């Protein structure tokens, strides 16, 4: 069965083009022209991945609001921003809201398809049958790969798909420095350095919200990051 994708884009021609293109790539794609239309549809059933523009009709930041709504429903739903707004402020805002990727509308359809496929591959990898090797524990941290679940002192940390894999990459080899290229490769990301930095900041913020003295992710300036046991 084809994967279901929703694209929320207020420009009818652009929306139709993306829907047609993604259907050609083998996905079952539905388009929505406004936040309200999309929210109504998502209340009935969530798709398997959502692509969102930021400006939606008379809502200049309707896409951000929709992202918040979706993250409240699901911490693991893959979300991609696809927008003409490419300032650092907008990119950081989108990632801080929990998006897994942030792309410019200049991005080619083939690259968009590759990003979508990478997100779905990470989801598929979670379906590997459970085994003792898929649970990683370091002090108060417990990471369960097959359930895509991270807890700290027994309380779950609500990580997105991308955030989960970045934490997974770090905690597999505590004490080892992972540079940004390694984080991208092992988490199957294709993003710039600033985006990696934004994801790390968001991950830290989620741990600190639960444990104010959290300091397990160490920045090794000029190199990358490591998980300190």
N, C-alpha and C. Protein backbone atom coordinates (compact mmCIF):
# COMPACT_ATOMS: atom_id res chain seq x y z
N UNK A 1 0.85 -1.19 0.00
CA UNK A 1 0.00 0.00 0.00
C UNK A 1 0.89 1.25 0.00
N UNK A 2 0.50 2.22 -0.81
CA UNK A 2 1.31 3.44 -0.92
C UNK A 2 1.29 4.24 0.37
N UNK A 3 2.43 4.86 0.69
CA UNK A 3 2.49 5.74 1.85
C UNK A 3 1.60 6.96 1.63
N UNK A 4 0.96 7.43 2.69
CA UNK A 4 0.08 8.60 2.56
C UNK A 4 0.82 9.86 2.97
N UNK A 5 0.75 10.87 2.13
CA UNK A 5 1.39 12.16 2.38
C UNK A 5 0.34 13.25 2.23
N UNK A 6 0.40 14.24 3.10
CA UNK A 6 -0.46 15.41 2.97
C UNK A 6 0.42 16.62 2.70
N UNK A 7 0.01 17.45 1.78
CA UNK A 7 0.73 18.71 1.54
C UNK A 7 -0.24 19.85 1.76
N UNK A 8 0.16 20.80 2.60
CA UNK A 8 -0.69 21.95 2.93
C UNK A 8 -0.07 23.17 2.30
N UNK A 9 -0.68 23.65 1.24
CA UNK A 9 -0.13 24.71 0.39
C UNK A 9 -1.32 25.51 -0.14
N UNK A 10 -1.28 26.84 0.05
CA UNK A 10 -2.46 27.63 -0.32
C UNK A 10 -2.52 28.02 -1.78
N UNK A 11 -1.43 27.88 -2.52
CA UNK A 11 -1.45 28.20 -3.95
C UNK A 11 -1.92 26.97 -4.72
N UNK A 12 -3.12 27.06 -5.34
CA UNK A 12 -3.71 25.85 -5.97
C UNK A 12 -2.82 25.18 -7.02
N UNK A 13 -2.19 25.98 -7.88
CA UNK A 13 -1.38 25.38 -8.94
C UNK A 13 -0.14 24.69 -8.37
N UNK A 14 0.50 25.36 -7.40
CA UNK A 14 1.69 24.77 -6.77
C UNK A 14 1.29 23.48 -6.05
N UNK A 15 0.17 23.56 -5.32
CA UNK A 15 -0.30 22.38 -4.58
C UNK A 15 -0.56 21.21 -5.54
N UNK A 16 -1.25 21.52 -6.63
CA UNK A 16 -1.59 20.47 -7.59
C UNK A 16 -0.33 19.85 -8.20
N UNK A 17 0.67 20.71 -8.46
CA UNK A 17 1.92 20.20 -9.05
C UNK A 17 2.63 19.24 -8.10
N UNK A 18 2.69 19.62 -6.81
CA UNK A 18 3.35 18.74 -5.84
C UNK A 18 2.58 17.44 -5.67
N UNK A 19 1.25 17.54 -5.60
CA UNK A 19 0.44 16.32 -5.44
C UNK A 19 0.68 15.38 -6.62
N UNK A 20 0.66 15.95 -7.82
CA UNK A 20 0.86 15.12 -9.02
C UNK A 20 2.26 14.49 -9.02
N UNK A 21 3.26 15.30 -8.67
CA UNK A 21 4.64 14.81 -8.70
C UNK A 21 4.85 13.70 -7.67
N UNK A 22 4.37 13.92 -6.45
CA UNK A 22 4.58 12.91 -5.41
C UNK A 22 3.79 11.64 -5.71
N UNK A 23 2.64 11.78 -6.33
CA UNK A 23 1.91 10.58 -6.74
C UNK A 23 2.71 9.80 -7.79
N UNK A 24 3.42 10.53 -8.66
CA UNK A 24 4.25 9.85 -9.65
C UNK A 24 5.39 9.09 -8.97
N UNK A 25 5.83 9.59 -7.82
CA UNK A 25 6.88 8.89 -7.08
C UNK A 25 6.33 7.70 -6.29
N UNK A 26 5.03 7.47 -6.39
CA UNK A 26 4.45 6.28 -5.77
C UNK A 26 3.74 6.51 -4.44
N UNK A 27 3.57 7.78 -4.06
CA UNK A 27 2.89 8.07 -2.81
C UNK A 27 1.41 8.36 -3.06
N UNK A 28 0.62 8.22 -2.03
CA UNK A 28 -0.79 8.60 -2.08
C UNK A 28 -0.90 9.97 -1.44
N UNK A 29 -0.98 10.99 -2.25
CA UNK A 29 -0.83 12.37 -1.77
C UNK A 29 -2.16 13.12 -1.85
N UNK A 30 -2.46 13.83 -0.76
CA UNK A 30 -3.64 14.69 -0.73
C UNK A 30 -3.20 16.12 -0.44
N UNK A 31 -3.84 17.08 -1.09
CA UNK A 31 -3.49 18.48 -0.89
C UNK A 31 -4.57 19.22 -0.13
N UNK A 32 -4.14 20.17 0.70
CA UNK A 32 -5.08 21.00 1.45
C UNK A 32 -4.66 22.46 1.30
N UNK A 33 -5.67 23.35 1.14
CA UNK A 33 -5.37 24.74 0.83
C UNK A 33 -5.31 25.67 2.02
N UNK A 34 -5.68 25.19 3.21
CA UNK A 34 -5.68 26.06 4.38
C UNK A 34 -5.43 25.23 5.63
N UNK A 35 -5.07 25.94 6.71
CA UNK A 35 -4.85 25.24 7.98
C UNK A 35 -6.15 24.58 8.46
N UNK A 36 -7.28 25.33 8.31
CA UNK A 36 -8.55 24.78 8.77
C UNK A 36 -8.93 23.52 8.04
N UNK A 37 -8.75 23.54 6.72
CA UNK A 37 -9.09 22.37 5.92
C UNK A 37 -8.22 21.18 6.32
N UNK A 38 -6.94 21.45 6.51
CA UNK A 38 -6.04 20.37 6.89
C UNK A 38 -6.35 19.85 8.29
N UNK A 39 -6.60 20.76 9.23
CA UNK A 39 -6.88 20.34 10.61
C UNK A 39 -8.12 19.46 10.67
N UNK A 40 -9.13 19.82 9.89
CA UNK A 40 -10.36 19.02 9.87
C UNK A 40 -10.07 17.61 9.37
N UNK A 41 -9.27 17.53 8.31
CA UNK A 41 -8.93 16.21 7.76
C UNK A 41 -8.06 15.41 8.73
N UNK A 42 -7.10 16.08 9.39
CA UNK A 42 -6.18 15.37 10.29
C UNK A 42 -6.88 14.93 11.57
N UNK A 43 -7.99 15.60 11.92
CA UNK A 43 -8.75 15.17 13.10
C UNK A 43 -9.38 13.80 12.85
N UNK A 44 -9.65 13.52 11.58
CA UNK A 44 -10.24 12.22 11.22
C UNK A 44 -9.16 11.15 11.10
N UNK A 45 -8.07 11.54 10.46
CA UNK A 45 -6.99 10.57 10.22
C UNK A 45 -5.70 11.30 9.91
N UNK A 46 -4.63 10.93 10.59
CA UNK A 46 -3.33 11.53 10.29
C UNK A 46 -2.69 10.80 9.10
N UNK A 47 -2.08 11.56 8.19
CA UNK A 47 -1.30 10.91 7.13
C UNK A 47 -0.01 10.36 7.73
N UNK A 48 0.83 9.77 6.88
CA UNK A 48 2.11 9.23 7.37
C UNK A 48 3.24 10.26 7.30
N UNK A 49 3.02 11.34 6.61
CA UNK A 49 4.00 12.43 6.53
C UNK A 49 3.27 13.68 6.07
N UNK A 50 3.66 14.83 6.61
CA UNK A 50 3.00 16.09 6.25
C UNK A 50 4.04 17.09 5.75
N UNK A 51 3.72 17.76 4.65
CA UNK A 51 4.55 18.83 4.10
C UNK A 51 3.75 20.13 4.23
N UNK A 52 4.37 21.14 4.82
CA UNK A 52 3.62 22.35 5.16
C UNK A 52 4.32 23.60 4.63
N UNK A 53 3.55 24.51 4.02
CA UNK A 53 4.05 25.85 3.73
C UNK A 53 3.82 26.69 4.99
N UNK A 54 4.55 27.78 5.17
CA UNK A 54 4.36 28.61 6.38
C UNK A 54 3.17 29.54 6.20
N UNK A 55 3.18 30.37 5.14
CA UNK A 55 2.07 31.27 4.90
C UNK A 55 0.90 30.51 4.27
N UNK A 56 -0.24 30.54 4.94
CA UNK A 56 -1.41 29.82 4.43
C UNK A 56 -2.58 30.79 4.34
N UNK A 57 -2.86 31.30 3.13
CA UNK A 57 -3.97 32.23 2.94
C UNK A 57 -3.76 33.49 3.77
N UNK A 58 -4.76 33.83 4.59
CA UNK A 58 -4.66 35.05 5.41
C UNK A 58 -3.95 34.79 6.74
N UNK A 59 -3.29 33.65 6.86
CA UNK A 59 -2.52 33.35 8.07
C UNK A 59 -1.02 33.33 7.71
N UNK A 60 -0.30 34.43 7.95
CA UNK A 60 1.11 34.48 7.55
C UNK A 60 1.96 33.39 8.20
N UNK A 61 1.54 32.93 9.36
CA UNK A 61 2.30 31.87 10.04
C UNK A 61 1.40 30.68 10.35
N UNK A 62 0.42 30.47 9.47
CA UNK A 62 -0.51 29.36 9.68
C UNK A 62 0.19 28.01 9.69
N UNK A 63 1.27 27.89 8.90
CA UNK A 63 2.01 26.63 8.88
C UNK A 63 2.66 26.32 10.21
N UNK A 64 3.20 27.35 10.87
CA UNK A 64 3.78 27.15 12.20
C UNK A 64 2.71 26.68 13.18
N UNK A 65 1.54 27.32 13.11
CA UNK A 65 0.45 26.92 14.01
C UNK A 65 0.02 25.47 13.75
N UNK A 66 -0.02 25.11 12.47
CA UNK A 66 -0.42 23.74 12.13
C UNK A 66 0.62 22.74 12.65
N UNK A 67 1.90 23.12 12.55
CA UNK A 67 2.96 22.24 13.06
C UNK A 67 2.77 22.01 14.57
N UNK A 68 2.47 23.09 15.30
CA UNK A 68 2.22 22.94 16.74
C UNK A 68 1.06 21.97 16.99
N UNK A 69 0.00 22.12 16.22
CA UNK A 69 -1.17 21.24 16.39
C UNK A 69 -0.79 19.78 16.14
N UNK A 70 -0.02 19.57 15.09
CA UNK A 70 0.35 18.19 14.75
C UNK A 70 1.28 17.59 15.80
N UNK A 71 2.22 18.40 16.30
CA UNK A 71 3.14 17.86 17.32
C UNK A 71 2.39 17.52 18.60
N UNK A 72 1.29 18.27 18.89
CA UNK A 72 0.48 17.94 20.06
C UNK A 72 -0.23 16.60 19.88
N UNK A 73 -0.52 16.26 18.62
CA UNK A 73 -1.18 14.99 18.34
C UNK A 73 -0.19 13.83 18.29
N UNK A 74 1.00 14.10 17.75
CA UNK A 74 1.98 13.03 17.56
C UNK A 74 3.39 13.59 17.61
N UNK A 75 4.22 12.99 18.44
CA UNK A 75 5.63 13.41 18.52
C UNK A 75 6.45 12.81 17.40
N UNK A 76 5.92 11.78 16.76
CA UNK A 76 6.72 11.04 15.78
C UNK A 76 6.29 11.24 14.33
N UNK A 77 5.20 11.95 14.10
CA UNK A 77 4.76 12.18 12.72
C UNK A 77 5.82 12.99 11.97
N UNK A 78 6.35 12.47 10.85
CA UNK A 78 7.34 13.25 10.10
C UNK A 78 6.72 14.52 9.50
N UNK A 79 7.37 15.65 9.72
CA UNK A 79 6.88 16.95 9.23
C UNK A 79 8.01 17.65 8.49
N UNK A 80 7.70 18.12 7.29
CA UNK A 80 8.67 18.88 6.49
C UNK A 80 8.07 20.24 6.16
N UNK A 81 8.81 21.31 6.43
CA UNK A 81 8.40 22.62 5.94
C UNK A 81 8.94 22.79 4.53
N UNK A 82 8.08 23.22 3.62
CA UNK A 82 8.48 23.50 2.24
C UNK A 82 7.96 24.89 1.92
N UNK A 83 8.86 25.87 1.88
CA UNK A 83 8.42 27.26 1.87
C UNK A 83 9.40 28.15 1.14
N UNK A 84 8.92 29.32 0.74
CA UNK A 84 9.81 30.31 0.12
C UNK A 84 10.54 31.12 1.18
N UNK A 85 10.12 31.01 2.42
CA UNK A 85 10.75 31.76 3.52
C UNK A 85 11.98 30.99 4.01
N UNK A 86 13.14 31.56 3.75
CA UNK A 86 14.36 30.81 4.06
C UNK A 86 15.33 31.57 4.96
N UNK A 87 14.80 32.53 5.74
CA UNK A 87 15.69 33.24 6.68
C UNK A 87 16.09 32.30 7.81
N UNK A 88 17.22 32.60 8.44
CA UNK A 88 17.65 31.78 9.58
C UNK A 88 16.57 31.74 10.65
N UNK A 89 15.92 32.89 10.88
CA UNK A 89 14.89 32.95 11.92
C UNK A 89 13.76 31.97 11.62
N UNK A 90 13.32 31.94 10.36
CA UNK A 90 12.23 31.03 10.00
C UNK A 90 12.66 29.57 10.09
N UNK A 91 13.88 29.28 9.61
CA UNK A 91 14.37 27.89 9.66
C UNK A 91 14.45 27.42 11.11
N UNK A 92 15.05 28.25 11.96
CA UNK A 92 15.20 27.87 13.37
C UNK A 92 13.83 27.73 14.03
N UNK A 93 12.92 28.65 13.71
CA UNK A 93 11.58 28.57 14.29
C UNK A 93 10.89 27.26 13.90
N UNK A 94 11.00 26.91 12.61
CA UNK A 94 10.36 25.68 12.15
C UNK A 94 10.92 24.45 12.83
N UNK A 95 12.23 24.41 12.97
CA UNK A 95 12.85 23.24 13.61
C UNK A 95 12.54 23.20 15.10
N UNK A 96 12.49 24.37 15.73
CA UNK A 96 12.17 24.40 17.15
C UNK A 96 10.74 23.94 17.41
N UNK A 97 9.88 24.13 16.43
CA UNK A 97 8.50 23.67 16.59
C UNK A 97 8.39 22.15 16.41
N UNK A 98 9.48 21.53 15.95
CA UNK A 98 9.46 20.07 15.85
C UNK A 98 9.47 19.52 14.45
N UNK A 99 9.68 20.38 13.45
CA UNK A 99 9.76 19.85 12.08
C UNK A 99 11.01 18.97 11.93
N UNK A 100 10.92 17.95 11.09
CA UNK A 100 12.06 17.07 10.85
C UNK A 100 12.97 17.62 9.77
N UNK A 101 12.44 18.47 8.90
CA UNK A 101 13.25 19.03 7.83
C UNK A 101 12.64 20.37 7.44
N UNK A 102 13.46 21.21 6.83
CA UNK A 102 13.02 22.55 6.42
C UNK A 102 13.63 22.81 5.05
N UNK A 103 12.79 22.91 4.03
CA UNK A 103 13.29 23.02 2.67
C UNK A 103 12.75 24.27 1.99
N UNK A 104 13.57 24.82 1.10
CA UNK A 104 13.14 25.94 0.28
C UNK A 104 12.35 25.40 -0.91
N UNK A 105 11.46 26.24 -1.43
CA UNK A 105 10.71 25.83 -2.62
C UNK A 105 11.61 25.74 -3.85
N UNK A 106 12.84 26.21 -3.72
CA UNK A 106 13.79 26.02 -4.81
C UNK A 106 14.30 24.57 -4.86
N UNK A 107 14.02 23.82 -3.82
CA UNK A 107 14.47 22.42 -3.77
C UNK A 107 13.83 21.63 -4.91
N UNK A 108 14.64 20.83 -5.60
CA UNK A 108 14.11 20.06 -6.73
C UNK A 108 13.16 18.96 -6.23
N UNK A 109 12.29 18.54 -7.11
CA UNK A 109 11.36 17.47 -6.74
C UNK A 109 12.10 16.18 -6.39
N UNK A 110 13.19 15.92 -7.09
CA UNK A 110 13.94 14.70 -6.81
C UNK A 110 14.60 14.76 -5.44
N UNK A 111 15.10 15.96 -5.06
CA UNK A 111 15.68 16.06 -3.71
C UNK A 111 14.58 15.95 -2.65
N UNK A 112 13.42 16.57 -2.92
CA UNK A 112 12.30 16.44 -1.98
C UNK A 112 11.93 14.97 -1.81
N UNK A 113 11.85 14.25 -2.91
CA UNK A 113 11.52 12.82 -2.85
C UNK A 113 12.57 12.05 -2.05
N UNK A 114 13.84 12.44 -2.21
CA UNK A 114 14.91 11.76 -1.47
C UNK A 114 14.79 12.02 0.03
N UNK A 115 14.45 13.26 0.40
CA UNK A 115 14.27 13.58 1.83
C UNK A 115 13.10 12.78 2.40
N UNK A 116 12.02 12.70 1.64
CA UNK A 116 10.85 11.95 2.09
C UNK A 116 11.22 10.47 2.27
N UNK A 117 11.92 9.92 1.30
CA UNK A 117 12.31 8.51 1.38
C UNK A 117 13.20 8.26 2.58
N UNK A 118 14.11 9.21 2.90
CA UNK A 118 14.99 9.04 4.05
C UNK A 118 14.19 9.01 5.35
N UNK A 119 13.20 9.88 5.46
CA UNK A 119 12.36 9.87 6.66
C UNK A 119 11.60 8.55 6.79
N UNK A 120 11.07 8.07 5.69
CA UNK A 120 10.33 6.80 5.74
C UNK A 120 11.27 5.63 6.05
N UNK A 121 12.52 5.68 5.56
CA UNK A 121 13.47 4.60 5.88
C UNK A 121 13.72 4.53 7.38
N UNK A 122 13.82 5.71 8.00
CA UNK A 122 14.05 5.71 9.45
C UNK A 122 12.86 5.12 10.19
N UNK A 123 11.66 5.39 9.69
CA UNK A 123 10.46 4.82 10.32
C UNK A 123 10.45 3.31 10.14
N UNK A 124 10.80 2.86 8.93
CA UNK A 124 10.82 1.41 8.67
C UNK A 124 11.80 0.70 9.58
N UNK A 125 12.95 1.35 9.85
CA UNK A 125 13.96 0.71 10.68
C UNK A 125 13.45 0.47 12.09
N UNK A 126 12.42 1.20 12.49
CA UNK A 126 11.86 1.02 13.83
C UNK A 126 11.03 -0.24 13.93
N UNK A 127 10.72 -0.84 12.77
CA UNK A 127 9.87 -2.02 12.78
C UNK A 127 10.66 -3.32 12.90
N UNK A 128 11.98 -3.18 13.05
CA UNK A 128 12.81 -4.37 13.26
C UNK A 128 12.38 -5.03 14.55
N UNK A 129 12.21 -6.37 14.56
CA UNK A 129 11.76 -7.05 15.78
C UNK A 129 12.62 -6.70 16.97
N UNK A 130 11.99 -6.59 18.11
CA UNK A 130 12.69 -6.20 19.32
C UNK A 130 13.73 -7.24 19.73
N UNK A 131 14.83 -6.78 20.27
CA UNK A 131 15.84 -7.66 20.81
C UNK A 131 16.54 -6.92 21.93
N UNK A 132 17.34 -7.64 22.70
CA UNK A 132 17.99 -7.00 23.82
C UNK A 132 18.96 -5.92 23.35
N UNK A 133 19.45 -6.05 22.08
CA UNK A 133 20.41 -5.09 21.59
C UNK A 133 19.78 -3.75 21.22
N UNK A 134 18.45 -3.69 21.15
CA UNK A 134 17.81 -2.45 20.74
C UNK A 134 17.50 -1.55 21.92
N UNK A 135 17.85 -1.96 23.11
CA UNK A 135 17.67 -1.12 24.29
C UNK A 135 19.04 -0.65 24.77
N UNK A 136 19.19 0.66 24.88
CA UNK A 136 20.44 1.25 25.35
C UNK A 136 20.15 1.98 26.66
N UNK A 137 20.95 1.70 27.67
CA UNK A 137 20.75 2.36 28.96
C UNK A 137 22.06 2.98 29.42
N UNK A 138 22.00 4.24 29.83
CA UNK A 138 23.14 4.93 30.42
C UNK A 138 22.60 5.75 31.59
N UNK A 139 22.83 5.29 32.79
CA UNK A 139 22.33 6.02 33.95
C UNK A 139 20.82 6.19 33.86
N UNK A 140 20.35 7.44 33.97
CA UNK A 140 18.89 7.66 33.92
C UNK A 140 18.29 7.54 32.53
N UNK A 141 19.15 7.42 31.50
CA UNK A 141 18.65 7.33 30.12
C UNK A 141 18.33 5.90 29.74
N UNK A 142 17.20 5.71 29.09
CA UNK A 142 16.83 4.43 28.49
C UNK A 142 16.30 4.72 27.09
N UNK A 143 16.92 4.10 26.10
CA UNK A 143 16.50 4.30 24.70
C UNK A 143 16.06 2.96 24.14
N UNK A 144 14.81 2.90 23.70
CA UNK A 144 14.24 1.68 23.12
C UNK A 144 14.03 1.92 21.63
N UNK A 145 14.90 1.33 20.81
CA UNK A 145 14.87 1.62 19.38
C UNK A 145 13.58 1.16 18.73
N UNK A 146 13.15 -0.05 19.06
CA UNK A 146 11.98 -0.60 18.36
C UNK A 146 10.71 0.16 18.67
N UNK A 147 10.69 0.82 19.82
CA UNK A 147 9.51 1.61 20.18
C UNK A 147 9.74 3.09 19.93
N UNK A 148 10.95 3.42 19.49
CA UNK A 148 11.32 4.82 19.26
C UNK A 148 10.98 5.66 20.49
N UNK A 149 11.47 5.17 21.63
CA UNK A 149 11.10 5.79 22.91
C UNK A 149 12.36 6.07 23.71
N UNK A 150 12.45 7.30 24.21
CA UNK A 150 13.56 7.67 25.08
C UNK A 150 12.98 8.16 26.40
N UNK A 151 13.49 7.61 27.49
CA UNK A 151 13.04 8.05 28.81
C UNK A 151 14.23 8.51 29.63
N UNK A 152 13.95 9.39 30.58
CA UNK A 152 14.97 9.89 31.51
C UNK A 152 14.38 9.72 32.91
N UNK A 153 15.01 8.86 33.70
CA UNK A 153 14.46 8.52 35.01
C UNK A 153 13.02 8.03 34.91
N UNK A 154 12.72 7.32 33.83
CA UNK A 154 11.40 6.71 33.67
C UNK A 154 10.37 7.58 33.00
N UNK A 155 10.69 8.86 32.76
CA UNK A 155 9.73 9.76 32.11
C UNK A 155 10.12 9.95 30.65
N UNK A 156 9.13 9.82 29.77
CA UNK A 156 9.42 9.86 28.33
C UNK A 156 9.78 11.27 27.87
N UNK A 157 10.80 11.36 27.02
CA UNK A 157 11.18 12.61 26.36
C UNK A 157 10.51 12.61 24.99
N UNK A 158 9.67 13.60 24.68
CA UNK A 158 8.92 13.60 23.41
C UNK A 158 9.77 14.04 22.23
N UNK A 159 10.60 13.14 21.71
CA UNK A 159 11.49 13.47 20.60
C UNK A 159 10.80 13.22 19.26
N UNK A 160 11.14 14.05 18.27
CA UNK A 160 10.68 13.80 16.91
C UNK A 160 11.53 12.68 16.31
N UNK A 161 11.15 12.26 15.10
CA UNK A 161 11.90 11.20 14.42
C UNK A 161 13.38 11.58 14.27
N UNK A 162 13.62 12.80 13.79
CA UNK A 162 15.00 13.26 13.58
C UNK A 162 15.75 13.35 14.90
N UNK A 163 15.11 13.92 15.91
CA UNK A 163 15.76 14.07 17.21
C UNK A 163 16.09 12.71 17.80
N UNK A 164 15.17 11.76 17.64
CA UNK A 164 15.41 10.42 18.18
C UNK A 164 16.68 9.83 17.59
N UNK A 165 16.82 9.90 16.27
CA UNK A 165 17.97 9.28 15.64
C UNK A 165 19.28 10.00 15.96
N UNK A 166 19.20 11.29 16.19
CA UNK A 166 20.42 12.01 16.59
C UNK A 166 20.85 11.57 17.99
N UNK A 167 19.88 11.44 18.91
CA UNK A 167 20.21 10.93 20.25
C UNK A 167 20.73 9.50 20.15
N UNK A 168 20.08 8.69 19.32
CA UNK A 168 20.50 7.30 19.13
C UNK A 168 21.95 7.24 18.67
N UNK A 169 22.30 8.10 17.71
CA UNK A 169 23.67 8.13 17.19
C UNK A 169 24.67 8.48 18.29
N UNK A 170 24.32 9.42 19.15
CA UNK A 170 25.24 9.84 20.22
C UNK A 170 25.37 8.80 21.32
N UNK A 171 24.25 8.19 21.74
CA UNK A 171 24.31 7.32 22.92
C UNK A 171 24.83 5.91 22.60
N UNK A 172 24.86 5.56 21.32
CA UNK A 172 25.40 4.23 20.98
C UNK A 172 26.86 4.11 21.39
N UNK A 173 27.59 5.20 21.30
CA UNK A 173 29.01 5.18 21.65
C UNK A 173 29.31 6.35 22.58
N UNK A 174 28.89 6.26 23.83
CA UNK A 174 29.09 7.38 24.77
C UNK A 174 30.58 7.71 24.90
N UNK A 175 30.86 8.99 24.90
CA UNK A 175 32.25 9.45 25.02
C UNK A 175 32.91 9.69 23.68
N UNK A 176 32.34 9.11 22.60
CA UNK A 176 32.90 9.32 21.26
C UNK A 176 32.34 10.60 20.67
N UNK A 177 33.21 11.41 20.08
CA UNK A 177 32.75 12.64 19.46
C UNK A 177 32.17 12.31 18.08
N UNK A 178 30.97 12.81 17.84
CA UNK A 178 30.34 12.66 16.52
C UNK A 178 30.32 14.02 15.86
N UNK A 179 30.98 14.12 14.71
CA UNK A 179 30.93 15.40 14.02
C UNK A 179 29.61 15.52 13.26
N UNK A 180 29.40 16.69 12.69
CA UNK A 180 28.10 16.94 12.05
C UNK A 180 27.86 16.01 10.86
N UNK A 181 28.91 15.70 10.11
CA UNK A 181 28.75 14.78 8.98
C UNK A 181 28.32 13.40 9.47
N UNK A 182 28.92 12.94 10.57
CA UNK A 182 28.53 11.62 11.10
C UNK A 182 27.10 11.63 11.59
N UNK A 183 26.71 12.73 12.25
CA UNK A 183 25.32 12.81 12.71
C UNK A 183 24.36 12.77 11.54
N UNK A 184 24.69 13.49 10.47
CA UNK A 184 23.83 13.50 9.30
C UNK A 184 23.77 12.12 8.66
N UNK A 185 24.93 11.48 8.53
CA UNK A 185 24.98 10.19 7.85
C UNK A 185 24.24 9.11 8.65
N UNK A 186 24.50 9.06 9.94
CA UNK A 186 23.92 7.99 10.74
C UNK A 186 22.44 8.24 11.04
N UNK A 187 22.04 9.52 11.05
CA UNK A 187 20.63 9.82 11.25
C UNK A 187 19.91 9.98 9.91
N UNK A 188 20.64 9.75 8.80
CA UNK A 188 20.09 9.86 7.45
C UNK A 188 19.49 11.23 7.20
N UNK A 189 20.26 12.25 7.55
CA UNK A 189 19.85 13.63 7.32
C UNK A 189 20.71 14.23 6.22
N UNK A 190 20.13 15.15 5.48
CA UNK A 190 20.92 15.93 4.52
C UNK A 190 20.57 17.39 4.79
N UNK A 191 21.30 17.98 5.75
CA UNK A 191 21.01 19.35 6.15
C UNK A 191 22.32 20.09 6.37
N UNK A 192 22.22 21.40 6.61
CA UNK A 192 23.44 22.16 6.84
C UNK A 192 23.80 22.16 8.33
N UNK A 193 24.99 22.72 8.63
CA UNK A 193 25.47 22.71 10.01
C UNK A 193 24.52 23.41 10.96
N UNK A 194 23.94 24.55 10.48
CA UNK A 194 23.05 25.32 11.34
C UNK A 194 21.83 24.49 11.74
N UNK A 195 21.37 23.65 10.83
CA UNK A 195 20.20 22.84 11.13
C UNK A 195 20.53 21.79 12.18
N UNK A 196 21.73 21.19 12.07
CA UNK A 196 22.16 20.23 13.10
C UNK A 196 22.21 20.93 14.46
N UNK A 197 22.79 22.13 14.48
CA UNK A 197 22.88 22.89 15.73
C UNK A 197 21.50 23.15 16.31
N UNK A 198 20.55 23.50 15.45
CA UNK A 198 19.19 23.77 15.92
C UNK A 198 18.56 22.52 16.52
N UNK A 199 18.77 21.38 15.88
CA UNK A 199 18.21 20.14 16.41
C UNK A 199 18.83 19.81 17.78
N UNK A 200 20.14 19.99 17.89
CA UNK A 200 20.79 19.70 19.18
C UNK A 200 20.24 20.61 20.28
N UNK A 201 20.07 21.90 19.97
CA UNK A 201 19.52 22.82 20.95
C UNK A 201 18.13 22.38 21.40
N UNK A 202 17.34 21.94 20.43
CA UNK A 202 15.98 21.52 20.77
C UNK A 202 15.99 20.25 21.62
N UNK A 203 16.90 19.33 21.29
CA UNK A 203 17.00 18.09 22.08
C UNK A 203 17.40 18.42 23.52
N UNK A 204 18.43 19.28 23.67
CA UNK A 204 18.85 19.67 25.02
C UNK A 204 17.69 20.29 25.79
N UNK A 205 16.95 21.17 25.12
CA UNK A 205 15.84 21.86 25.78
C UNK A 205 14.81 20.86 26.31
N UNK A 206 14.56 19.81 25.55
CA UNK A 206 13.57 18.82 25.99
C UNK A 206 14.05 18.05 27.21
N UNK A 207 15.35 17.71 27.23
CA UNK A 207 15.89 17.02 28.41
C UNK A 207 15.91 17.96 29.62
N UNK A 208 16.33 19.21 29.39
CA UNK A 208 16.43 20.17 30.50
C UNK A 208 15.05 20.46 31.09
N UNK A 209 14.01 20.44 30.25
CA UNK A 209 12.66 20.67 30.75
C UNK A 209 12.29 19.63 31.80
N UNK A 210 12.86 18.45 31.68
CA UNK A 210 12.57 17.37 32.63
C UNK A 210 13.62 17.29 33.73
N UNK A 211 14.87 17.57 33.35
CA UNK A 211 15.98 17.48 34.30
C UNK A 211 16.83 18.75 34.16
N UNK A 212 16.58 19.77 34.98
CA UNK A 212 17.26 21.07 34.81
C UNK A 212 18.78 20.96 34.84
N UNK A 213 19.34 19.94 35.47
CA UNK A 213 20.80 19.82 35.53
C UNK A 213 21.34 18.92 34.41
N UNK A 214 20.52 18.64 33.40
CA UNK A 214 20.96 17.78 32.29
C UNK A 214 22.15 18.39 31.56
N UNK A 215 23.22 17.63 31.41
CA UNK A 215 24.40 18.12 30.68
C UNK A 215 25.10 16.96 29.94
N UNK A 216 24.33 15.95 29.55
CA UNK A 216 24.93 14.76 28.95
C UNK A 216 25.38 14.97 27.52
N UNK A 217 24.84 15.98 26.83
CA UNK A 217 25.29 16.26 25.46
C UNK A 217 26.31 17.38 25.51
N UNK A 218 27.54 17.03 25.25
CA UNK A 218 28.64 17.99 25.33
C UNK A 218 29.01 18.49 23.94
N UNK A 219 29.16 19.79 23.81
CA UNK A 219 29.65 20.38 22.55
C UNK A 219 31.17 20.37 22.55
N UNK A 220 31.75 19.76 21.53
CA UNK A 220 33.20 19.79 21.36
C UNK A 220 33.46 20.83 20.26
N UNK A 221 33.82 22.02 20.68
CA UNK A 221 33.87 23.15 19.75
C UNK A 221 34.77 22.87 18.54
N UNK A 222 34.21 23.17 17.39
CA UNK A 222 34.95 22.98 16.14
C UNK A 222 34.93 21.55 15.63
N UNK A 223 34.34 20.63 16.41
CA UNK A 223 34.32 19.23 15.99
C UNK A 223 32.90 18.68 15.91
N UNK A 224 32.20 18.66 17.04
CA UNK A 224 30.85 18.08 17.02
C UNK A 224 30.29 17.94 18.43
N UNK A 225 29.71 16.76 18.70
CA UNK A 225 29.04 16.55 19.98
C UNK A 225 29.33 15.14 20.48
N UNK A 226 29.23 14.96 21.80
CA UNK A 226 29.34 13.61 22.34
C UNK A 226 28.43 13.47 23.55
N UNK A 227 28.04 12.23 23.79
CA UNK A 227 27.22 11.90 24.96
C UNK A 227 28.18 11.53 26.08
N UNK A 228 28.09 12.26 27.18
CA UNK A 228 28.99 11.99 28.30
C UNK A 228 28.32 11.03 29.27
N UNK A 229 28.95 9.90 29.55
CA UNK A 229 28.33 8.88 30.42
C UNK A 229 28.08 9.45 31.82
